[in-house]
Amino acid sequence: MNINKIDDRFATTGQVRPQDIEELAREGYRSIVCARPDDEEQGQPAFAEIAREAERHGMSIVHIPVSGPPPSPEQVARFEKAMETMEGPVLGFCRGGSRAAALYAAIAR
């Protein structure tokens, strides 16, 4: 994974796989936001698989699928609400990290 730290609270990366979760937990990530829709690409792990592994490691996880830039106002509102309750640091992911970064940029003040 190529993790791009935006600030102390949020970082982004490309696709996370269930086998990556243990390492992410060791690195200190407490929560995950998945901005990638399921079945976007053949062979992509389903959100439910990643969520099971994250929860097994005590991490919070939320799915806010974004199909293309920019995220909708509803997606931004869901993301903002999630960020208010999730313990950080939070890792956002999608195929390459840009949709997760766009969600964070939409609420950054």
N, C-alpha and C. Protein backbone atom coordinates (compact mmCIF):
# COMPACT_ATOMS: atom_id res chain seq x y z
N MET A 1 0.84 -1.18 0.00
CA MET A 1 0.00 0.00 0.00
C MET A 1 0.88 1.24 0.00
N ASN A 2 0.45 2.22 -0.74
CA ASN A 2 1.12 3.51 -0.77
C ASN A 2 0.23 4.50 -0.03
N ILE A 3 0.52 4.71 1.25
CA ILE A 3 -0.32 5.57 2.09
C ILE A 3 0.14 7.02 1.98
N ASN A 4 -0.84 7.89 1.73
CA ASN A 4 -0.59 9.33 1.61
C ASN A 4 -1.21 10.02 2.83
N LYS A 5 -0.36 10.43 3.76
CA LYS A 5 -0.84 11.09 4.97
C LYS A 5 -1.21 12.54 4.63
N ILE A 6 -2.49 12.87 4.83
CA ILE A 6 -2.96 14.23 4.56
C ILE A 6 -2.71 15.12 5.77
N ASP A 7 -3.05 14.62 6.95
CA ASP A 7 -2.76 15.31 8.20
C ASP A 7 -2.77 14.26 9.31
N ASP A 8 -2.71 14.69 10.56
CA ASP A 8 -2.64 13.72 11.67
C ASP A 8 -3.91 12.89 11.82
N ARG A 9 -4.99 13.35 11.25
CA ARG A 9 -6.28 12.67 11.41
C ARG A 9 -6.63 11.74 10.25
N PHE A 10 -6.14 12.03 9.03
CA PHE A 10 -6.62 11.33 7.85
C PHE A 10 -5.51 11.05 6.86
N ALA A 11 -5.56 9.85 6.28
CA ALA A 11 -4.64 9.44 5.22
C ALA A 11 -5.45 8.68 4.17
N THR A 12 -4.89 8.55 2.98
CA THR A 12 -5.56 7.82 1.91
C THR A 12 -4.62 6.78 1.31
N THR A 13 -5.23 5.83 0.65
CA THR A 13 -4.48 4.80 -0.07
C THR A 13 -5.38 4.20 -1.13
N GLY A 14 -4.78 3.36 -1.97
CA GLY A 14 -5.54 2.60 -2.94
C GLY A 14 -6.20 1.41 -2.25
N GLN A 15 -6.65 0.47 -3.05
CA GLN A 15 -7.40 -0.68 -2.55
C GLN A 15 -6.75 -1.34 -1.34
N VAL A 16 -7.54 -1.52 -0.30
CA VAL A 16 -7.13 -2.26 0.90
C VAL A 16 -7.69 -3.67 0.75
N ARG A 17 -6.91 -4.64 1.13
CA ARG A 17 -7.33 -6.05 1.09
C ARG A 17 -7.45 -6.56 2.52
N PRO A 18 -8.26 -7.57 2.74
CA PRO A 18 -8.41 -8.08 4.11
C PRO A 18 -7.07 -8.40 4.78
N GLN A 19 -6.12 -8.93 4.04
CA GLN A 19 -4.83 -9.28 4.63
C GLN A 19 -3.99 -8.05 5.01
N ASP A 20 -4.40 -6.85 4.59
CA ASP A 20 -3.68 -5.61 4.95
C ASP A 20 -4.09 -5.07 6.32
N ILE A 21 -5.24 -5.50 6.81
CA ILE A 21 -5.83 -4.89 8.00
C ILE A 21 -4.95 -5.04 9.24
N GLU A 22 -4.38 -6.19 9.46
CA GLU A 22 -3.53 -6.39 10.64
C GLU A 22 -2.38 -5.39 10.64
N GLU A 23 -1.74 -5.19 9.51
CA GLU A 23 -0.64 -4.23 9.41
C GLU A 23 -1.13 -2.80 9.67
N LEU A 24 -2.28 -2.45 9.12
CA LEU A 24 -2.84 -1.12 9.35
C LEU A 24 -3.11 -0.88 10.83
N ALA A 25 -3.64 -1.89 11.50
CA ALA A 25 -3.89 -1.77 12.94
C ALA A 25 -2.58 -1.58 13.69
N ARG A 26 -1.55 -2.32 13.30
CA ARG A 26 -0.23 -2.16 13.95
C ARG A 26 0.34 -0.77 13.71
N GLU A 27 0.05 -0.20 12.55
CA GLU A 27 0.53 1.15 12.23
C GLU A 27 -0.25 2.24 12.96
N GLY A 28 -1.32 1.85 13.66
CA GLY A 28 -2.05 2.80 14.49
C GLY A 28 -3.36 3.30 13.93
N TYR A 29 -3.75 2.84 12.76
CA TYR A 29 -5.05 3.28 12.22
C TYR A 29 -6.16 2.66 13.06
N ARG A 30 -7.13 3.49 13.43
CA ARG A 30 -8.24 3.06 14.28
C ARG A 30 -9.54 2.91 13.51
N SER A 31 -9.61 3.57 12.34
CA SER A 31 -10.85 3.57 11.56
C SER A 31 -10.53 3.58 10.07
N ILE A 32 -11.50 3.09 9.28
CA ILE A 32 -11.34 3.02 7.83
C ILE A 32 -12.62 3.52 7.17
N VAL A 33 -12.44 4.28 6.09
CA VAL A 33 -13.56 4.69 5.23
C VAL A 33 -13.29 4.13 3.85
N CYS A 34 -14.22 3.34 3.35
CA CYS A 34 -14.12 2.78 2.00
C CYS A 34 -14.98 3.63 1.08
N ALA A 35 -14.35 4.29 0.10
CA ALA A 35 -15.08 5.12 -0.86
C ALA A 35 -15.26 4.41 -2.20
N ARG A 36 -14.95 3.13 -2.23
CA ARG A 36 -15.02 2.37 -3.48
C ARG A 36 -16.28 1.50 -3.52
N PRO A 37 -17.06 1.61 -4.60
CA PRO A 37 -18.21 0.73 -4.73
C PRO A 37 -17.78 -0.73 -4.89
N ASP A 38 -18.56 -1.64 -4.36
CA ASP A 38 -18.31 -3.06 -4.59
C ASP A 38 -18.46 -3.35 -6.09
N ASP A 39 -17.73 -4.36 -6.54
CA ASP A 39 -17.81 -4.84 -7.93
C ASP A 39 -17.41 -3.80 -8.97
N GLU A 40 -16.59 -2.85 -8.57
CA GLU A 40 -16.11 -1.85 -9.52
C GLU A 40 -15.11 -2.48 -10.50
N GLU A 41 -14.41 -3.48 -10.01
CA GLU A 41 -13.37 -4.13 -10.81
C GLU A 41 -13.34 -5.61 -10.46
N GLN A 42 -13.14 -6.45 -11.44
CA GLN A 42 -13.07 -7.88 -11.19
C GLN A 42 -11.91 -8.20 -10.26
N GLY A 43 -12.17 -9.07 -9.29
CA GLY A 43 -11.14 -9.47 -8.34
C GLY A 43 -11.00 -8.58 -7.12
N GLN A 44 -11.73 -7.51 -7.09
CA GLN A 44 -11.69 -6.58 -5.96
C GLN A 44 -12.39 -7.22 -4.76
N PRO A 45 -11.78 -7.15 -3.56
CA PRO A 45 -12.47 -7.73 -2.41
C PRO A 45 -13.73 -6.93 -2.06
N ALA A 46 -14.75 -7.62 -1.63
CA ALA A 46 -16.00 -6.96 -1.23
C ALA A 46 -15.79 -6.19 0.08
N PHE A 47 -16.54 -5.11 0.22
CA PHE A 47 -16.47 -4.33 1.45
C PHE A 47 -16.71 -5.21 2.67
N ALA A 48 -17.67 -6.12 2.60
CA ALA A 48 -18.01 -6.97 3.75
C ALA A 48 -16.80 -7.79 4.22
N GLU A 49 -15.97 -8.25 3.30
CA GLU A 49 -14.77 -9.01 3.67
C GLU A 49 -13.79 -8.13 4.46
N ILE A 50 -13.59 -6.93 3.97
CA ILE A 50 -12.67 -5.99 4.62
C ILE A 50 -13.24 -5.58 5.97
N ALA A 51 -14.54 -5.33 6.03
CA ALA A 51 -15.18 -4.92 7.28
C ALA A 51 -15.06 -5.99 8.35
N ARG A 52 -15.26 -7.25 7.99
CA ARG A 52 -15.11 -8.33 8.98
C ARG A 52 -13.71 -8.34 9.59
N GLU A 53 -12.72 -8.20 8.75
CA GLU A 53 -11.33 -8.21 9.24
C GLU A 53 -11.03 -6.97 10.08
N ALA A 54 -11.52 -5.81 9.65
CA ALA A 54 -11.31 -4.58 10.42
C ALA A 54 -11.95 -4.69 11.80
N GLU A 55 -13.17 -5.17 11.85
CA GLU A 55 -13.86 -5.31 13.14
C GLU A 55 -13.17 -6.33 14.02
N ARG A 56 -12.60 -7.36 13.42
CA ARG A 56 -11.84 -8.36 14.17
C ARG A 56 -10.62 -7.74 14.86
N HIS A 57 -10.10 -6.67 14.28
CA HIS A 57 -8.95 -5.98 14.84
C HIS A 57 -9.35 -4.73 15.62
N GLY A 58 -10.64 -4.60 15.94
CA GLY A 58 -11.11 -3.49 16.78
C GLY A 58 -11.20 -2.16 16.07
N MET A 59 -11.23 -2.18 14.76
CA MET A 59 -11.30 -0.94 13.99
C MET A 59 -12.74 -0.64 13.57
N SER A 60 -13.07 0.64 13.52
CA SER A 60 -14.36 1.07 12.95
C SER A 60 -14.19 1.15 11.44
N ILE A 61 -15.28 0.88 10.73
CA ILE A 61 -15.22 0.94 9.26
C ILE A 61 -16.58 1.36 8.73
N VAL A 62 -16.57 2.18 7.70
CA VAL A 62 -17.81 2.65 7.08
C VAL A 62 -17.62 2.61 5.56
N HIS A 63 -18.73 2.34 4.86
CA HIS A 63 -18.72 2.27 3.40
C HIS A 63 -19.50 3.43 2.84
N ILE A 64 -18.82 4.33 2.13
CA ILE A 64 -19.46 5.45 1.46
C ILE A 64 -19.00 5.40 0.00
N PRO A 65 -19.63 4.53 -0.81
CA PRO A 65 -19.18 4.36 -2.19
C PRO A 65 -19.40 5.61 -3.04
N VAL A 66 -18.34 6.03 -3.70
CA VAL A 66 -18.37 7.19 -4.59
C VAL A 66 -18.02 6.70 -5.98
N SER A 67 -18.92 6.91 -6.95
CA SER A 67 -18.69 6.40 -8.30
C SER A 67 -17.80 7.30 -9.14
N GLY A 68 -17.80 8.57 -8.87
CA GLY A 68 -16.95 9.47 -9.64
C GLY A 68 -16.90 10.83 -9.00
N PRO A 69 -15.87 11.58 -9.31
CA PRO A 69 -15.76 12.91 -8.72
C PRO A 69 -16.79 13.84 -9.34
N PRO A 70 -17.23 14.81 -8.62
CA PRO A 70 -17.02 14.97 -7.17
C PRO A 70 -18.03 14.13 -6.41
N PRO A 71 -17.76 13.92 -5.11
CA PRO A 71 -18.75 13.21 -4.30
C PRO A 71 -20.02 14.06 -4.19
N SER A 72 -21.15 13.39 -4.06
CA SER A 72 -22.42 14.10 -3.94
C SER A 72 -22.53 14.75 -2.56
N PRO A 73 -23.43 15.72 -2.42
CA PRO A 73 -23.63 16.33 -1.10
C PRO A 73 -24.05 15.30 -0.05
N GLU A 74 -24.83 14.29 -0.45
CA GLU A 74 -25.24 13.25 0.49
C GLU A 74 -24.05 12.42 0.95
N GLN A 75 -23.15 12.11 0.02
CA GLN A 75 -21.95 11.35 0.38
C GLN A 75 -21.05 12.16 1.32
N VAL A 76 -20.92 13.43 1.03
CA VAL A 76 -20.11 14.31 1.89
C VAL A 76 -20.73 14.38 3.28
N ALA A 77 -22.04 14.51 3.37
CA ALA A 77 -22.72 14.57 4.66
C ALA A 77 -22.52 13.27 5.45
N ARG A 78 -22.62 12.13 4.78
CA ARG A 78 -22.39 10.84 5.45
C ARG A 78 -20.95 10.74 5.95
N PHE A 79 -20.02 11.20 5.12
CA PHE A 79 -18.60 11.17 5.49
C PHE A 79 -18.35 12.07 6.70
N GLU A 80 -18.90 13.27 6.66
CA GLU A 80 -18.70 14.21 7.77
C GLU A 80 -19.25 13.62 9.08
N LYS A 81 -20.42 13.01 9.02
CA LYS A 81 -21.01 12.39 10.21
C LYS A 81 -20.12 11.25 10.71
N ALA A 82 -19.62 10.44 9.79
CA ALA A 82 -18.73 9.33 10.17
C ALA A 82 -17.46 9.87 10.84
N MET A 83 -16.89 10.91 10.26
CA MET A 83 -15.64 11.45 10.82
C MET A 83 -15.85 12.04 12.21
N GLU A 84 -17.06 12.48 12.51
CA GLU A 84 -17.35 13.03 13.84
C GLU A 84 -17.33 11.94 14.91
N THR A 85 -17.60 10.71 14.51
CA THR A 85 -17.71 9.63 15.50
C THR A 85 -16.56 8.64 15.46
N MET A 86 -15.78 8.62 14.38
CA MET A 86 -14.70 7.64 14.25
C MET A 86 -13.45 8.10 14.97
N GLU A 87 -12.82 7.14 15.64
CA GLU A 87 -11.55 7.42 16.29
C GLU A 87 -10.47 7.46 15.22
N GLY A 88 -9.54 8.38 15.37
CA GLY A 88 -8.45 8.50 14.41
C GLY A 88 -7.17 7.90 14.94
N PRO A 89 -6.21 7.78 14.07
CA PRO A 89 -6.26 8.22 12.68
C PRO A 89 -7.14 7.32 11.82
N VAL A 90 -7.68 7.95 10.76
CA VAL A 90 -8.60 7.30 9.84
C VAL A 90 -7.89 7.11 8.50
N LEU A 91 -8.06 5.94 7.90
CA LEU A 91 -7.54 5.68 6.57
C LEU A 91 -8.70 5.58 5.61
N GLY A 92 -8.69 6.42 4.57
CA GLY A 92 -9.69 6.36 3.53
C GLY A 92 -9.11 5.67 2.31
N PHE A 93 -9.90 4.81 1.67
CA PHE A 93 -9.39 4.15 0.47
C PHE A 93 -10.44 4.04 -0.61
N CYS A 94 -9.95 3.91 -1.83
CA CYS A 94 -10.74 3.60 -3.01
C CYS A 94 -9.76 2.95 -3.99
N ARG A 95 -10.00 3.02 -5.23
CA ARG A 95 -9.08 2.35 -6.16
C ARG A 95 -7.68 2.96 -6.09
N GLY A 96 -7.59 4.28 -6.11
CA GLY A 96 -6.29 4.94 -6.07
C GLY A 96 -6.12 5.94 -4.95
N GLY A 97 -7.19 6.21 -4.21
CA GLY A 97 -7.13 7.15 -3.09
C GLY A 97 -7.74 8.51 -3.36
N SER A 98 -8.01 8.84 -4.63
CA SER A 98 -8.48 10.19 -4.95
C SER A 98 -9.91 10.47 -4.49
N ARG A 99 -10.79 9.48 -4.56
CA ARG A 99 -12.17 9.71 -4.10
C ARG A 99 -12.22 9.87 -2.58
N ALA A 100 -11.40 9.09 -1.87
CA ALA A 100 -11.33 9.25 -0.41
C ALA A 100 -10.77 10.62 -0.07
N ALA A 101 -9.77 11.08 -0.81
CA ALA A 101 -9.19 12.40 -0.58
C ALA A 101 -10.22 13.50 -0.88
N ALA A 102 -11.04 13.30 -1.92
CA ALA A 102 -12.06 14.29 -2.27
C ALA A 102 -13.11 14.42 -1.16
N LEU A 103 -13.47 13.29 -0.54
CA LEU A 103 -14.41 13.36 0.59
C LEU A 103 -13.82 14.19 1.72
N TYR A 104 -12.55 13.94 2.03
CA TYR A 104 -11.92 14.68 3.14
C TYR A 104 -11.77 16.16 2.78
N ALA A 105 -11.39 16.46 1.55
CA ALA A 105 -11.23 17.84 1.14
C ALA A 105 -12.56 18.60 1.23
N ALA A 106 -13.66 17.90 0.99
CA ALA A 106 -14.98 18.54 1.02
C ALA A 106 -15.38 19.00 2.43
N ILE A 107 -14.79 18.37 3.47
CA ILE A 107 -15.15 18.77 4.84
C ILE A 107 -14.01 19.50 5.54
N ALA A 108 -12.85 19.56 4.94
CA ALA A 108 -11.69 20.22 5.58
C ALA A 108 -11.96 21.71 5.72
N ARG A 109 -11.65 22.19 6.87
CA ARG A 109 -11.87 23.63 7.13
C ARG A 109 -10.59 24.26 7.58
